[in-house]
């Protein structure tokens, strides 16, 4: 009965998450989850944290986790924010840092939650077209006319901006916040966290969901100079003072201590990504260069929606976006070597 709703909510088009179907023997390559389990030390830490202390509220400031992240990224704790998944962290950034009288700039092909947050918080969006190769052109973000957010690597394309390119965007927009959303940075990119000391307008967001295989625990973080982090803390403490539970905190700290396992998992994903890219190109696909844990590809002779359906018929699901400019592309998450083999066998059968 929409007449009872807030008019803003009535007008929203909510974000549509990737499917989580319950299908036996499914190859699930649609949500960019890790194909590998969390590190054994992470599971041990969760088990150890499952004790009588669960009756108590967690540390509202997540102090031990902030300290671990600060140590890992060579920052101070007042430059670190943590939340219940990077989507929550981004939501706080939209409200606390990106809501102004001027439009928020972001790529036209990008993370589809950005326009949802704009609608929820009453932010005017200004979509900047990707270039013909589906890349972000830093020169398109000149003018210092409003805040900026973009994923790096971009989603769903997988294209990466270098630190020099990000620096150009920051220097061209000194009066406004620039948010670099690094959900996929660990699969071949350099983090912009190393630019924080030089740029007071830079906020970097990351997640434990992808490269650290903790999507089920919902743990995200942001890094920036203290005045930016304080804005996020104010929003958080006006919304939910305890967003990070005891188990997630323990898991996050343990994950940061499992560097060898983390590095090997990322290496395997990147190796499989390269093998899949070469296979797709051999089969006639155009593949966008990716530095993420997925590839974005189209076949000039086959409809993307039909390919997605034929893969689904074989218990393999990938992400299809029915949107202008990318409606002939499939976004394919990098799975395990076995999942990659099943995908390649299925495509060989479909394409003949």
C-alpha atoms as a PDB file:
ATOM      1  CA  UNK A   1       0.000   0.000   0.000  1.00  0.00           C
ATOM      2  CA  UNK A   2       2.396   2.700  -1.217  1.00  0.00           C
ATOM      3  CA  UNK A   3       0.264   5.620   0.068  1.00  0.00           C
ATOM      4  CA  UNK A   4       1.830   5.082   3.497  1.00  0.00           C
ATOM      5  CA  UNK A   5       5.358   5.308   2.147  1.00  0.00           C
ATOM      6  CA  UNK A   6       7.783   8.189   2.227  1.00  0.00           C
ATOM      7  CA  UNK A   7       7.596   9.645  -1.313  1.00  0.00           C
ATOM      8  CA  UNK A   8      11.370   9.227  -1.704  1.00  0.00           C
ATOM      9  CA  UNK A   9      11.069   5.497  -1.013  1.00  0.00           C
ATOM     10  CA  UNK A  10       8.145   5.195  -3.413  1.00  0.00           C
ATOM     11  CA  UNK A  11      10.322   6.658  -6.178  1.00  0.00           C
ATOM     12  CA  UNK A  12      13.380   4.472  -5.510  1.00  0.00           C
ATOM     13  CA  UNK A  13      14.629   1.777  -7.851  1.00  0.00           C
ATOM     14  CA  UNK A  14      16.500  -0.459  -5.381  1.00  0.00           C
ATOM     15  CA  UNK A  15      19.795  -2.157  -6.115  1.00  0.00           C
ATOM     16  CA  UNK A  16      19.436  -5.684  -7.472  1.00  0.00           C
ATOM     17  CA  UNK A  17      22.040  -8.028  -5.970  1.00  0.00           C
ATOM     18  CA  UNK A  18      23.340 -11.022  -7.853  1.00  0.00           C
ATOM     19  CA  UNK A  19      21.322 -14.193  -7.550  1.00  0.00           C
ATOM     20  CA  UNK A  20      22.032 -16.680  -4.775  1.00  0.00           C
ATOM     21  CA  UNK A  21      20.171 -19.713  -6.188  1.00  0.00           C
ATOM     22  CA  UNK A  22      19.944 -23.033  -4.393  1.00  0.00           C
ATOM     23  CA  UNK A  23      20.874 -25.394  -7.211  1.00  0.00           C
ATOM     24  CA  UNK A  24      22.847 -28.612  -6.828  1.00  0.00           C
ATOM     25  CA  UNK A  25      26.243 -28.753  -8.550  1.00  0.00           C
ATOM     26  CA  UNK A  26      25.939 -25.118  -9.617  1.00  0.00           C
ATOM     27  CA  UNK A  27      28.885 -23.183 -11.055  1.00  0.00           C
ATOM     28  CA  UNK A  28      28.196 -19.749  -9.597  1.00  0.00           C
ATOM     29  CA  UNK A  29      30.112 -17.067 -11.487  1.00  0.00           C
ATOM     30  CA  UNK A  30      27.778 -14.098 -11.064  1.00  0.00           C
ATOM     31  CA  UNK A  31      28.696 -12.297  -7.818  1.00  0.00           C
ATOM     32  CA  UNK A  32      32.517 -12.074  -7.786  1.00  0.00           C
ATOM     33  CA  UNK A  33      32.889 -14.114  -4.613  1.00  0.00           C
ATOM     34  CA  UNK A  34      36.187 -15.804  -3.875  1.00  0.00           C
ATOM     35  CA  UNK A  35      36.474 -19.321  -5.297  1.00  0.00           C
ATOM     36  CA  UNK A  36      38.671 -20.231  -2.319  1.00  0.00           C
ATOM     37  CA  UNK A  37      37.803 -20.535   1.383  1.00  0.00           C
ATOM     38  CA  UNK A  38      38.999 -18.128   4.062  1.00  0.00           C
ATOM     39  CA  UNK A  39      42.429 -18.832   5.496  1.00  0.00           C
ATOM     40  CA  UNK A  40      42.497 -21.553   8.188  1.00  0.00           C
ATOM     41  CA  UNK A  41      43.628 -18.991  10.754  1.00  0.00           C
ATOM     42  CA  UNK A  42      40.500 -16.957  10.057  1.00  0.00           C
ATOM     43  CA  UNK A  43      38.237 -19.902  10.805  1.00  0.00           C
ATOM     44  CA  UNK A  44      40.215 -20.638  13.971  1.00  0.00           C
ATOM     45  CA  UNK A  45      39.796 -17.027  15.109  1.00  0.00           C
ATOM     46  CA  UNK A  46      36.035 -17.134  14.545  1.00  0.00           C
ATOM     47  CA  UNK A  47      35.799 -20.356  16.499  1.00  0.00           C
ATOM     48  CA  UNK A  48      37.837 -18.883  19.354  1.00  0.00           C
ATOM     49  CA  UNK A  49      35.594 -15.815  19.441  1.00  0.00           C
ATOM     50  CA  UNK A  50      32.462 -17.949  19.770  1.00  0.00           C
ATOM     51  CA  UNK A  51      32.319 -17.908  23.554  1.00  0.00           C
ATOM     52  CA  UNK A  52      30.427 -16.391  26.462  1.00  0.00           C
ATOM     53  CA  UNK A  53      31.447 -12.886  25.346  1.00  0.00           C
ATOM     54  CA  UNK A  54      28.800 -13.038  22.598  1.00  0.00           C
ATOM     55  CA  UNK A  55      26.265 -11.961  25.238  1.00  0.00           C
ATOM     56  CA  UNK A  56      28.075  -8.599  25.372  1.00  0.00           C
ATOM     57  CA  UNK A  57      28.008  -5.830  22.810  1.00  0.00           C
ATOM     58  CA  UNK A  58      31.158  -5.578  20.683  1.00  0.00           C
ATOM     59  CA  UNK A  59      33.536  -2.637  20.879  1.00  0.00           C
ATOM     60  CA  UNK A  60      31.531   0.149  19.157  1.00  0.00           C
ATOM     61  CA  UNK A  61      34.738   1.575  17.715  1.00  0.00           C
ATOM     62  CA  UNK A  62      36.132  -1.804  16.566  1.00  0.00           C
ATOM     63  CA  UNK A  63      39.421  -0.612  18.035  1.00  0.00           C
ATOM     64  CA  UNK A  64      41.476  -3.826  17.609  1.00  0.00           C
ATOM     65  CA  UNK A  65      40.437  -4.164  13.962  1.00  0.00           C
ATOM     66  CA  UNK A  66      41.161  -0.496  13.240  1.00  0.00           C
ATOM     67  CA  UNK A  67      44.602  -0.917  14.771  1.00  0.00           C
ATOM     68  CA  UNK A  68      45.290  -4.015  12.673  1.00  0.00           C
ATOM     69  CA  UNK A  69      44.219  -2.190   9.503  1.00  0.00           C
ATOM     70  CA  UNK A  70      46.243   0.894  10.422  1.00  0.00           C
ATOM     71  CA  UNK A  71      49.327  -1.275  10.935  1.00  0.00           C
ATOM     72  CA  UNK A  72      48.750  -3.145   7.673  1.00  0.00           C
ATOM     73  CA  UNK A  73      48.319   0.005   5.562  1.00  0.00           C
ATOM     74  CA  UNK A  74      50.824   2.121   7.544  1.00  0.00           C
ATOM     75  CA  UNK A  75      48.205   4.612   8.665  1.00  0.00           C
ATOM     76  CA  UNK A  76      47.015   5.896  12.036  1.00  0.00           C
ATOM     77  CA  UNK A  77      43.812   4.585  13.611  1.00  0.00           C
ATOM     78  CA  UNK A  78      42.049   7.933  13.139  1.00  0.00           C
ATOM     79  CA  UNK A  79      42.526   7.393   9.389  1.00  0.00           C
ATOM     80  CA  UNK A  80      40.566   4.118   9.436  1.00  0.00           C
ATOM     81  CA  UNK A  81      36.812   3.452   9.438  1.00  0.00           C
ATOM     82  CA  UNK A  82      35.123   0.037   9.495  1.00  0.00           C
ATOM     83  CA  UNK A  83      31.542  -0.990   8.821  1.00  0.00           C
ATOM     84  CA  UNK A  84      29.138  -3.790   8.021  1.00  0.00           C
ATOM     85  CA  UNK A  85      30.356  -4.440   4.495  1.00  0.00           C
ATOM     86  CA  UNK A  86      31.699  -1.831   2.094  1.00  0.00           C
ATOM     87  CA  UNK A  87      28.158  -1.072   0.918  1.00  0.00           C
ATOM     88  CA  UNK A  88      27.385   0.341   4.368  1.00  0.00           C
ATOM     89  CA  UNK A  89      30.683   2.242   4.365  1.00  0.00           C
ATOM     90  CA  UNK A  90      29.807   3.688   0.956  1.00  0.00           C
ATOM     91  CA  UNK A  91      26.317   4.622   2.179  1.00  0.00           C
ATOM     92  CA  UNK A  92      27.845   6.594   5.051  1.00  0.00           C
ATOM     93  CA  UNK A  93      30.234   8.283   2.612  1.00  0.00           C
ATOM     94  CA  UNK A  94      27.341   9.313   0.363  1.00  0.00           C
ATOM     95  CA  UNK A  95      25.492  10.892   3.268  1.00  0.00           C
ATOM     96  CA  UNK A  96      28.466  12.296   5.160  1.00  0.00           C
ATOM     97  CA  UNK A  97      30.766  13.450   2.344  1.00  0.00           C
ATOM     98  CA  UNK A  98      29.079  13.346  -1.070  1.00  0.00           C
ATOM     99  CA  UNK A  99      25.705  15.020  -0.438  1.00  0.00           C
ATOM    100  CA  UNK A 100      26.076  18.671  -1.452  1.00  0.00           C
ATOM    101  CA  UNK A 101      24.246  21.256  -3.540  1.00  0.00           C
ATOM    102  CA  UNK A 102      26.279  20.283  -6.591  1.00  0.00           C
ATOM    103  CA  UNK A 103      25.974  16.990  -8.506  1.00  0.00           C
ATOM    104  CA  UNK A 104      27.994  13.902  -7.661  1.00  0.00           C
ATOM    105  CA  UNK A 105      30.077  12.704 -10.606  1.00  0.00           C
ATOM    106  CA  UNK A 106      30.644   9.034 -11.397  1.00  0.00           C
ATOM    107  CA  UNK A 107      31.026   6.853 -14.529  1.00  0.00           C
ATOM    108  CA  UNK A 108      27.912   5.987 -16.513  1.00  0.00           C
ATOM    109  CA  UNK A 109      28.957   2.324 -16.424  1.00  0.00           C
ATOM    110  CA  UNK A 110      29.934   1.637 -12.856  1.00  0.00           C
ATOM    111  CA  UNK A 111      28.750   0.074  -9.603  1.00  0.00           C
ATOM    112  CA  UNK A 112      24.959   0.160  -9.849  1.00  0.00           C
ATOM    113  CA  UNK A 113      24.524   0.990  -6.158  1.00  0.00           C
ATOM    114  CA  UNK A 114      25.767   4.564  -6.761  1.00  0.00           C
ATOM    115  CA  UNK A 115      22.554   5.847  -8.408  1.00  0.00           C
ATOM    116  CA  UNK A 116      20.518   4.014  -5.746  1.00  0.00           C
ATOM    117  CA  UNK A 117      22.293   5.922  -2.975  1.00  0.00           C
ATOM    118  CA  UNK A 118      21.780   9.147  -4.919  1.00  0.00           C
ATOM    119  CA  UNK A 119      18.041   8.474  -5.000  1.00  0.00           C
ATOM    120  CA  UNK A 120      17.924   7.487  -1.327  1.00  0.00           C
ATOM    121  CA  UNK A 121      19.796  10.553  -0.095  1.00  0.00           C
ATOM    122  CA  UNK A 122      18.538  13.117  -2.589  1.00  0.00           C
ATOM    123  CA  UNK A 123      21.870  13.590  -4.366  1.00  0.00           C
ATOM    124  CA  UNK A 124      21.902  14.859  -7.942  1.00  0.00           C
ATOM    125  CA  UNK A 125      23.924  12.424 -10.078  1.00  0.00           C
ATOM    126  CA  UNK A 126      26.093  13.439 -13.003  1.00  0.00           C
ATOM    127  CA  UNK A 127      27.112  10.427 -15.047  1.00  0.00           C
ATOM    128  CA  UNK A 128      30.374  10.756 -16.979  1.00  0.00           C
ATOM    129  CA  UNK A 129      30.617   8.576 -20.089  1.00  0.00           C
ATOM    130  CA  UNK A 130      33.363   5.995 -20.249  1.00  0.00           C
ATOM    131  CA  UNK A 131      35.485   6.315 -23.367  1.00  0.00           C
ATOM    132  CA  UNK A 132      34.888   3.980 -26.360  1.00  0.00           C
ATOM    133  CA  UNK A 133      37.173   1.329 -24.799  1.00  0.00           C
ATOM    134  CA  UNK A 134      35.051   1.414 -21.599  1.00  0.00           C
ATOM    135  CA  UNK A 135      37.828   3.162 -19.678  1.00  0.00           C
ATOM    136  CA  UNK A 136      37.651   6.140 -17.316  1.00  0.00           C
ATOM    137  CA  UNK A 137      39.375   9.189 -18.822  1.00  0.00           C
ATOM    138  CA  UNK A 138      40.763  11.412 -16.014  1.00  0.00           C
ATOM    139  CA  UNK A 139      40.433  14.457 -18.281  1.00  0.00           C
ATOM    140  CA  UNK A 140      36.653  14.023 -18.145  1.00  0.00           C
ATOM    141  CA  UNK A 141      36.794  14.854 -14.410  1.00  0.00           C
ATOM    142  CA  UNK A 142      38.315  18.331 -14.690  1.00  0.00           C
ATOM    143  CA  UNK A 143      36.537  21.413 -13.422  1.00  0.00           C
ATOM    144  CA  UNK A 144      36.368  20.958  -9.640  1.00  0.00           C
ATOM    145  CA  UNK A 145      32.586  21.165  -9.982  1.00  0.00           C
ATOM    146  CA  UNK A 146      31.520  18.552  -7.434  1.00  0.00           C
ATOM    147  CA  UNK A 147      32.483  15.370  -5.564  1.00  0.00           C
ATOM    148  CA  UNK A 148      33.504  12.214  -7.430  1.00  0.00           C
ATOM    149  CA  UNK A 149      33.241   8.470  -6.855  1.00  0.00           C
ATOM    150  CA  UNK A 150      34.455   5.618  -9.018  1.00  0.00           C
ATOM    151  CA  UNK A 151      35.527   1.988  -8.551  1.00  0.00           C
ATOM    152  CA  UNK A 152      39.116   1.089  -9.265  1.00  0.00           C
ATOM    153  CA  UNK A 153      39.248  -1.366 -10.933  1.00  0.00           C
ATOM    154  CA  UNK A 154      35.914  -0.318 -12.361  1.00  0.00           C
ATOM    155  CA  UNK A 155      32.932  -2.626 -12.106  1.00  0.00           C
ATOM    156  CA  UNK A 156      31.636  -4.249 -14.200  1.00  0.00           C
ATOM    157  CA  UNK A 157      34.374  -3.553 -16.740  1.00  0.00           C
ATOM    158  CA  UNK A 158      37.466  -4.503 -14.694  1.00  0.00           C
ATOM    159  CA  UNK A 159      39.575  -1.664 -16.131  1.00  0.00           C
ATOM    160  CA  UNK A 160      42.204  -0.116 -13.842  1.00  0.00           C
ATOM    161  CA  UNK A 161      43.376   3.442 -13.330  1.00  0.00           C
ATOM    162  CA  UNK A 162      47.016   3.940 -12.367  1.00  0.00           C
ATOM    163  CA  UNK A 163      48.013   5.972  -9.332  1.00  0.00           C
ATOM    164  CA  UNK A 164      49.242   8.715 -11.675  1.00  0.00           C
ATOM    165  CA  UNK A 165      45.775   8.909 -13.254  1.00  0.00           C
ATOM    166  CA  UNK A 166      44.089   9.017  -9.845  1.00  0.00           C
ATOM    167  CA  UNK A 167      46.527  11.742  -8.793  1.00  0.00           C
ATOM    168  CA  UNK A 168      45.454  13.806 -11.805  1.00  0.00           C
ATOM    169  CA  UNK A 169      41.810  13.530 -10.768  1.00  0.00           C
ATOM    170  CA  UNK A 170      42.661  14.541  -7.195  1.00  0.00           C
ATOM    171  CA  UNK A 171      44.736  17.519  -8.325  1.00  0.00           C
ATOM    172  CA  UNK A 172      41.999  18.657 -10.709  1.00  0.00           C
ATOM    173  CA  UNK A 173      39.388  18.641  -7.922  1.00  0.00           C
ATOM    174  CA  UNK A 174      40.975  20.021  -4.735  1.00  0.00           C
ATOM    175  CA  UNK A 175      37.716  21.466  -3.379  1.00  0.00           C
ATOM    176  CA  UNK A 176      35.714  18.223  -3.416  1.00  0.00           C
ATOM    177  CA  UNK A 177      35.972  14.715  -2.028  1.00  0.00           C
ATOM    178  CA  UNK A 178      37.117  11.966  -4.379  1.00  0.00           C
ATOM    179  CA  UNK A 179      36.111   8.444  -3.304  1.00  0.00           C
ATOM    180  CA  UNK A 180      38.078   5.567  -4.833  1.00  0.00           C
ATOM    181  CA  UNK A 181      36.132   2.331  -4.340  1.00  0.00           C
ATOM    182  CA  UNK A 182      38.762  -0.431  -4.264  1.00  0.00           C
ATOM    183  CA  UNK A 183      36.676  -3.572  -3.872  1.00  0.00           C
ATOM    184  CA  UNK A 184      38.879  -5.368  -6.434  1.00  0.00           C
ATOM    185  CA  UNK A 185      42.251  -3.678  -5.985  1.00  0.00           C
ATOM    186  CA  UNK A 186      44.049  -6.790  -4.717  1.00  0.00           C
ATOM    187  CA  UNK A 187      43.861  -8.554  -8.090  1.00  0.00           C
ATOM    188  CA  UNK A 188      46.587  -6.577  -9.826  1.00  0.00           C
ATOM    189  CA  UNK A 189      46.307  -2.902  -8.892  1.00  0.00           C
ATOM    190  CA  UNK A 190      48.071  -0.465  -6.581  1.00  0.00           C
ATOM    191  CA  UNK A 191      45.989   0.920  -3.732  1.00  0.00           C
ATOM    192  CA  UNK A 192      45.428   4.667  -3.555  1.00  0.00           C
ATOM    193  CA  UNK A 193      45.872   4.441   0.225  1.00  0.00           C
ATOM    194  CA  UNK A 194      49.476   5.471  -0.358  1.00  0.00           C
ATOM    195  CA  UNK A 195      48.212   8.865  -1.597  1.00  0.00           C
ATOM    196  CA  UNK A 196      46.251   9.697   1.556  1.00  0.00           C
ATOM    197  CA  UNK A 197      48.986  11.727   3.259  1.00  0.00           C
ATOM    198  CA  UNK A 198      49.203  14.070   0.245  1.00  0.00           C
ATOM    199  CA  UNK A 199      45.513  14.561  -0.518  1.00  0.00           C
ATOM    200  CA  UNK A 200      43.028  15.700   2.154  1.00  0.00           C
ATOM    201  CA  UNK A 201      40.140  15.134  -0.277  1.00  0.00           C
ATOM    202  CA  UNK A 202      40.827  11.400  -0.869  1.00  0.00           C
ATOM    203  CA  UNK A 203      38.740   8.619   0.671  1.00  0.00           C
ATOM    204  CA  UNK A 204      39.545   4.991  -0.231  1.00  0.00           C
ATOM    205  CA  UNK A 205      37.058   2.195   0.459  1.00  0.00           C
ATOM    206  CA  UNK A 206      37.821  -1.522   0.494  1.00  0.00           C
ATOM    207  CA  UNK A 207      36.213  -4.802   1.505  1.00  0.00           C
ATOM    208  CA  UNK A 208      37.080  -8.190   3.003  1.00  0.00           C
ATOM    209  CA  UNK A 209      34.470  -9.813   0.733  1.00  0.00           C
ATOM    210  CA  UNK A 210      36.472 -10.465  -2.429  1.00  0.00           C
ATOM    211  CA  UNK A 211      40.183 -11.141  -2.058  1.00  0.00           C
ATOM    212  CA  UNK A 212      39.885 -12.179   1.604  1.00  0.00           C
ATOM    213  CA  UNK A 213      36.927 -14.550   1.043  1.00  0.00           C
ATOM    214  CA  UNK A 214      34.722 -13.107   3.793  1.00  0.00           C
ATOM    215  CA  UNK A 215      31.636 -11.990   1.857  1.00  0.00           C
ATOM    216  CA  UNK A 216      29.443 -13.881   4.330  1.00  0.00           C
ATOM    217  CA  UNK A 217      30.690 -11.830   7.302  1.00  0.00           C
ATOM    218  CA  UNK A 218      30.059  -8.348   5.836  1.00  0.00           C
ATOM    219  CA  UNK A 219      33.160  -6.359   6.661  1.00  0.00           C
ATOM    220  CA  UNK A 220      34.254  -3.187   4.884  1.00  0.00           C
ATOM    221  CA  UNK A 221      36.552  -0.269   5.580  1.00  0.00           C
ATOM    222  CA  UNK A 222      37.516   3.235   4.505  1.00  0.00           C
ATOM    223  CA  UNK A 223      40.803   5.109   4.694  1.00  0.00           C
ATOM    224  CA  UNK A 224      41.401   8.842   4.572  1.00  0.00           C
ATOM    225  CA  UNK A 225      42.655  11.784   6.548  1.00  0.00           C
ATOM    226  CA  UNK A 226      41.096  12.117  10.000  1.00  0.00           C
ATOM    227  CA  UNK A 227      38.645  14.886   9.081  1.00  0.00           C
ATOM    228  CA  UNK A 228      37.010  12.620   6.462  1.00  0.00           C
ATOM    229  CA  UNK A 229      36.879   9.617   8.780  1.00  0.00           C
ATOM    230  CA  UNK A 230      35.222  11.759  11.468  1.00  0.00           C
ATOM    231  CA  UNK A 231      32.332  12.466   9.076  1.00  0.00           C
ATOM    232  CA  UNK A 232      31.790   8.726   8.604  1.00  0.00           C
ATOM    233  CA  UNK A 233      31.930   8.163  12.375  1.00  0.00           C
ATOM    234  CA  UNK A 234      29.258  10.803  12.915  1.00  0.00           C
ATOM    235  CA  UNK A 235      26.940   9.132  10.425  1.00  0.00           C
ATOM    236  CA  UNK A 236      27.650   5.685  11.877  1.00  0.00           C
ATOM    237  CA  UNK A 237      26.935   6.791  15.441  1.00  0.00           C
ATOM    238  CA  UNK A 238      23.687   8.398  14.295  1.00  0.00           C
ATOM    239  CA  UNK A 239      22.607   5.143  12.656  1.00  0.00           C
ATOM    240  CA  UNK A 240      24.102   2.060  14.333  1.00  0.00           C
ATOM    241  CA  UNK A 241      26.841   2.232  16.946  1.00  0.00           C
ATOM    242  CA  UNK A 242      27.687  -1.502  16.705  1.00  0.00           C
ATOM    243  CA  UNK A 243      27.983  -2.365  12.986  1.00  0.00           C
ATOM    244  CA  UNK A 244      30.921  -4.794  13.341  1.00  0.00           C
ATOM    245  CA  UNK A 245      30.264  -7.847  15.489  1.00  0.00           C
ATOM    246  CA  UNK A 246      32.800  -9.809  17.530  1.00  0.00           C
ATOM    247  CA  UNK A 247      33.162 -12.631  15.009  1.00  0.00           C
ATOM    248  CA  UNK A 248      33.710 -10.279  12.075  1.00  0.00           C
ATOM    249  CA  UNK A 249      36.306  -8.347  14.065  1.00  0.00           C
ATOM    250  CA  UNK A 250      38.203 -11.519  14.950  1.00  0.00           C
ATOM    251  CA  UNK A 251      38.044 -12.739  11.356  1.00  0.00           C
ATOM    252  CA  UNK A 252      39.272  -9.451   9.930  1.00  0.00           C
ATOM    253  CA  UNK A 253      42.264  -9.277  12.263  1.00  0.00           C
ATOM    254  CA  UNK A 254      43.204 -12.895  11.548  1.00  0.00           C
ATOM    255  CA  UNK A 255      42.891 -12.360   7.790  1.00  0.00           C
ATOM    256  CA  UNK A 256      45.406  -9.518   7.903  1.00  0.00           C
ATOM    257  CA  UNK A 257      47.845 -11.891   9.614  1.00  0.00           C
ATOM    258  CA  UNK A 258      47.471 -14.567   6.897  1.00  0.00           C
ATOM    259  CA  UNK A 259      49.535 -12.741   4.280  1.00  0.00           C
ATOM    260  CA  UNK A 260      50.976 -15.811   2.535  1.00  0.00           C
ATOM    261  CA  UNK A 261      47.546 -17.436   2.118  1.00  0.00           C
ATOM    262  CA  UNK A 262      46.051 -14.130   0.935  1.00  0.00           C
ATOM    263  CA  UNK A 263      48.789 -13.566  -1.637  1.00  0.00           C
ATOM    264  CA  UNK A 264      48.522 -17.120  -2.979  1.00  0.00           C
ATOM    265  CA  UNK A 265      44.735 -16.891  -3.324  1.00  0.00           C
ATOM    266  CA  UNK A 266      45.076 -13.653  -5.301  1.00  0.00           C
ATOM    267  CA  UNK A 267      47.804 -15.197  -7.463  1.00  0.00           C
ATOM    268  CA  UNK A 268      45.602 -18.189  -8.331  1.00  0.00           C
ATOM    269  CA  UNK A 269      42.678 -15.932  -9.231  1.00  0.00           C
ATOM    270  CA  UNK A 270      44.887 -13.836 -11.505  1.00  0.00           C
ATOM    271  CA  UNK A 271      46.340 -16.928 -13.180  1.00  0.00           C
ATOM    272  CA  UNK A 272      42.866 -18.332 -13.824  1.00  0.00           C
ATOM    273  CA  UNK A 273      41.741 -14.921 -15.110  1.00  0.00           C
ATOM    274  CA  UNK A 274      44.560 -14.948 -17.637  1.00  0.00           C
ATOM    275  CA  UNK A 275      43.742 -18.488 -18.761  1.00  0.00           C
ATOM    276  CA  UNK A 276      40.045 -17.634 -19.127  1.00  0.00           C
ATOM    277  CA  UNK A 277      40.834 -14.458 -21.053  1.00  0.00           C
ATOM    278  CA  UNK A 278      42.995 -16.381 -23.519  1.00  0.00           C
ATOM    279  CA  UNK A 279      40.306 -19.053 -23.960  1.00  0.00           C
ATOM    280  CA  UNK A 280      37.577 -16.475 -24.580  1.00  0.00           C
ATOM    281  CA  UNK A 281      39.706 -14.641 -27.108  1.00  0.00           C
ATOM    282  CA  UNK A 282      40.394 -17.908 -28.930  1.00  0.00           C
ATOM    283  CA  UNK A 283      36.622 -18.418 -29.111  1.00  0.00           C
ATOM    284  CA  UNK A 284      36.131 -15.008 -30.711  1.00  0.00           C
ATOM    285  CA  UNK A 285      35.161 -12.954 -27.665  1.00  0.00           C
ATOM    286  CA  UNK A 286      36.206  -9.349 -27.196  1.00  0.00           C
ATOM    287  CA  UNK A 287      37.525  -9.207 -23.618  1.00  0.00           C
ATOM    288  CA  UNK A 288      37.995  -5.940 -21.734  1.00  0.00           C
ATOM    289  CA  UNK A 289      41.426  -5.941 -19.994  1.00  0.00           C
ATOM    290  CA  UNK A 290      40.684  -6.829 -16.367  1.00  0.00           C
ATOM    291  CA  UNK A 291      42.484  -6.247 -13.083  1.00  0.00           C
ATOM    292  CA  UNK A 292      39.570  -7.611 -11.057  1.00  0.00           C
ATOM    293  CA  UNK A 293      38.356 -11.099 -10.151  1.00  0.00           C
ATOM    294  CA  UNK A 294      36.069 -11.175 -13.165  1.00  0.00           C
ATOM    295  CA  UNK A 295      36.195 -10.603 -16.910  1.00  0.00           C
ATOM    296  CA  UNK A 296      33.820  -8.541 -19.048  1.00  0.00           C
ATOM    297  CA  UNK A 297      33.380  -9.984 -22.511  1.00  0.00           C
ATOM    298  CA  UNK A 298      31.156 -10.003 -25.574  1.00  0.00           C
ATOM    299  CA  UNK A 299      30.924 -12.206 -28.639  1.00  0.00           C
ATOM    300  CA  UNK A 300      30.263 -10.371 -31.921  1.00  0.00           C
ATOM    301  CA  UNK A 301      28.158 -13.227 -33.284  1.00  0.00           C
ATOM    302  CA  UNK A 302      26.163 -14.303 -30.221  1.00  0.00           C
ATOM    303  CA  UNK A 303      23.668 -12.447 -28.047  1.00  0.00           C
ATOM    304  CA  UNK A 304      24.877 -12.028 -24.471  1.00  0.00           C
ATOM    305  CA  UNK A 305      21.440 -12.728 -23.033  1.00  0.00           C
ATOM    306  CA  UNK A 306      21.157 -15.939 -25.059  1.00  0.00           C
ATOM    307  CA  UNK A 307      24.625 -17.056 -24.020  1.00  0.00           C
ATOM    308  CA  UNK A 308      23.742 -16.400 -20.381  1.00  0.00           C
ATOM    309  CA  UNK A 309      20.587 -18.484 -20.745  1.00  0.00           C
ATOM    310  CA  UNK A 310      22.391 -21.362 -22.434  1.00  0.00           C
ATOM    311  CA  UNK A 311      24.977 -21.381 -19.648  1.00  0.00           C
ATOM    312  CA  UNK A 312      22.172 -21.336 -17.077  1.00  0.00           C
ATOM    313  CA  UNK A 313      20.654 -24.365 -18.782  1.00  0.00           C
ATOM    314  CA  UNK A 314      23.954 -26.091 -17.993  1.00  0.00           C
ATOM    315  CA  UNK A 315      23.905 -25.019 -14.315  1.00  0.00           C
ATOM    316  CA  UNK A 316      26.394 -22.189 -14.834  1.00  0.00           C
ATOM    317  CA  UNK A 317      25.313 -18.656 -13.973  1.00  0.00           C
ATOM    318  CA  UNK A 318      27.087 -15.449 -14.996  1.00  0.00           C
ATOM    319  CA  UNK A 319      25.983 -11.803 -14.725  1.00  0.00           C
ATOM    320  CA  UNK A 320      24.097 -10.195 -17.589  1.00  0.00           C
ATOM    321  CA  UNK A 321      23.278  -6.474 -17.495  1.00  0.00           C
ATOM    322  CA  UNK A 322      20.326  -5.418 -19.632  1.00  0.00           C
ATOM    323  CA  UNK A 323      21.558  -1.826 -19.874  1.00  0.00           C
ATOM    324  CA  UNK A 324      22.552   0.495 -22.721  1.00  0.00           C
ATOM    325  CA  UNK A 325      26.125   0.174 -24.010  1.00  0.00           C
ATOM    326  CA  UNK A 326      26.782  -3.088 -22.130  1.00  0.00           C
ATOM    327  CA  UNK A 327      23.789  -5.263 -23.048  1.00  0.00           C
ATOM    328  CA  UNK A 328      25.998  -7.456 -25.222  1.00  0.00           C
ATOM    329  CA  UNK A 329      28.517  -8.159 -22.460  1.00  0.00           C
ATOM    330  CA  UNK A 330      28.724 -10.881 -19.844  1.00  0.00           C
ATOM    331  CA  UNK A 331      30.506 -10.368 -16.556  1.00  0.00           C
ATOM    332  CA  UNK A 332      32.059 -13.677 -15.570  1.00  0.00           C
ATOM    333  CA  UNK A 333      33.490 -14.131 -12.076  1.00  0.00           C
ATOM    334  CA  UNK A 334      36.766 -16.008 -11.799  1.00  0.00           C
ATOM    335  CA  UNK A 335      36.025 -19.388 -10.250  1.00  0.00           C
ATOM    336  CA  UNK A 336      38.227 -22.256  -9.212  1.00  0.00           C
ATOM    337  CA  UNK A 337      40.212 -24.133 -11.838  1.00  0.00           C
ATOM    338  CA  UNK A 338      37.486 -26.805 -11.914  1.00  0.00           C
ATOM    339  CA  UNK A 339      34.721 -24.212 -12.293  1.00  0.00           C
ATOM    340  CA  UNK A 340      36.704 -22.522 -15.043  1.00  0.00           C
ATOM    341  CA  UNK A 341      37.059 -25.848 -16.847  1.00  0.00           C
ATOM    342  CA  UNK A 342      33.312 -26.473 -16.683  1.00  0.00           C
ATOM    343  CA  UNK A 343      32.634 -22.977 -18.013  1.00  0.00           C
ATOM    344  CA  UNK A 344      35.058 -23.417 -20.898  1.00  0.00           C
ATOM    345  CA  UNK A 345      33.628 -26.840 -21.783  1.00  0.00           C
ATOM    346  CA  UNK A 346      30.124 -25.395 -21.791  1.00  0.00           C
ATOM    347  CA  UNK A 347      31.085 -22.463 -24.000  1.00  0.00           C
ATOM    348  CA  UNK A 348      32.891 -24.785 -26.399  1.00  0.00           C
ATOM    349  CA  UNK A 349      29.714 -26.826 -26.688  1.00  0.00           C
ATOM    350  CA  UNK A 350      27.500 -23.753 -27.120  1.00  0.00           C
ATOM    351  CA  UNK A 351      29.732 -22.082 -29.703  1.00  0.00           C
ATOM    352  CA  UNK A 352      30.486 -25.305 -31.562  1.00  0.00           C
END
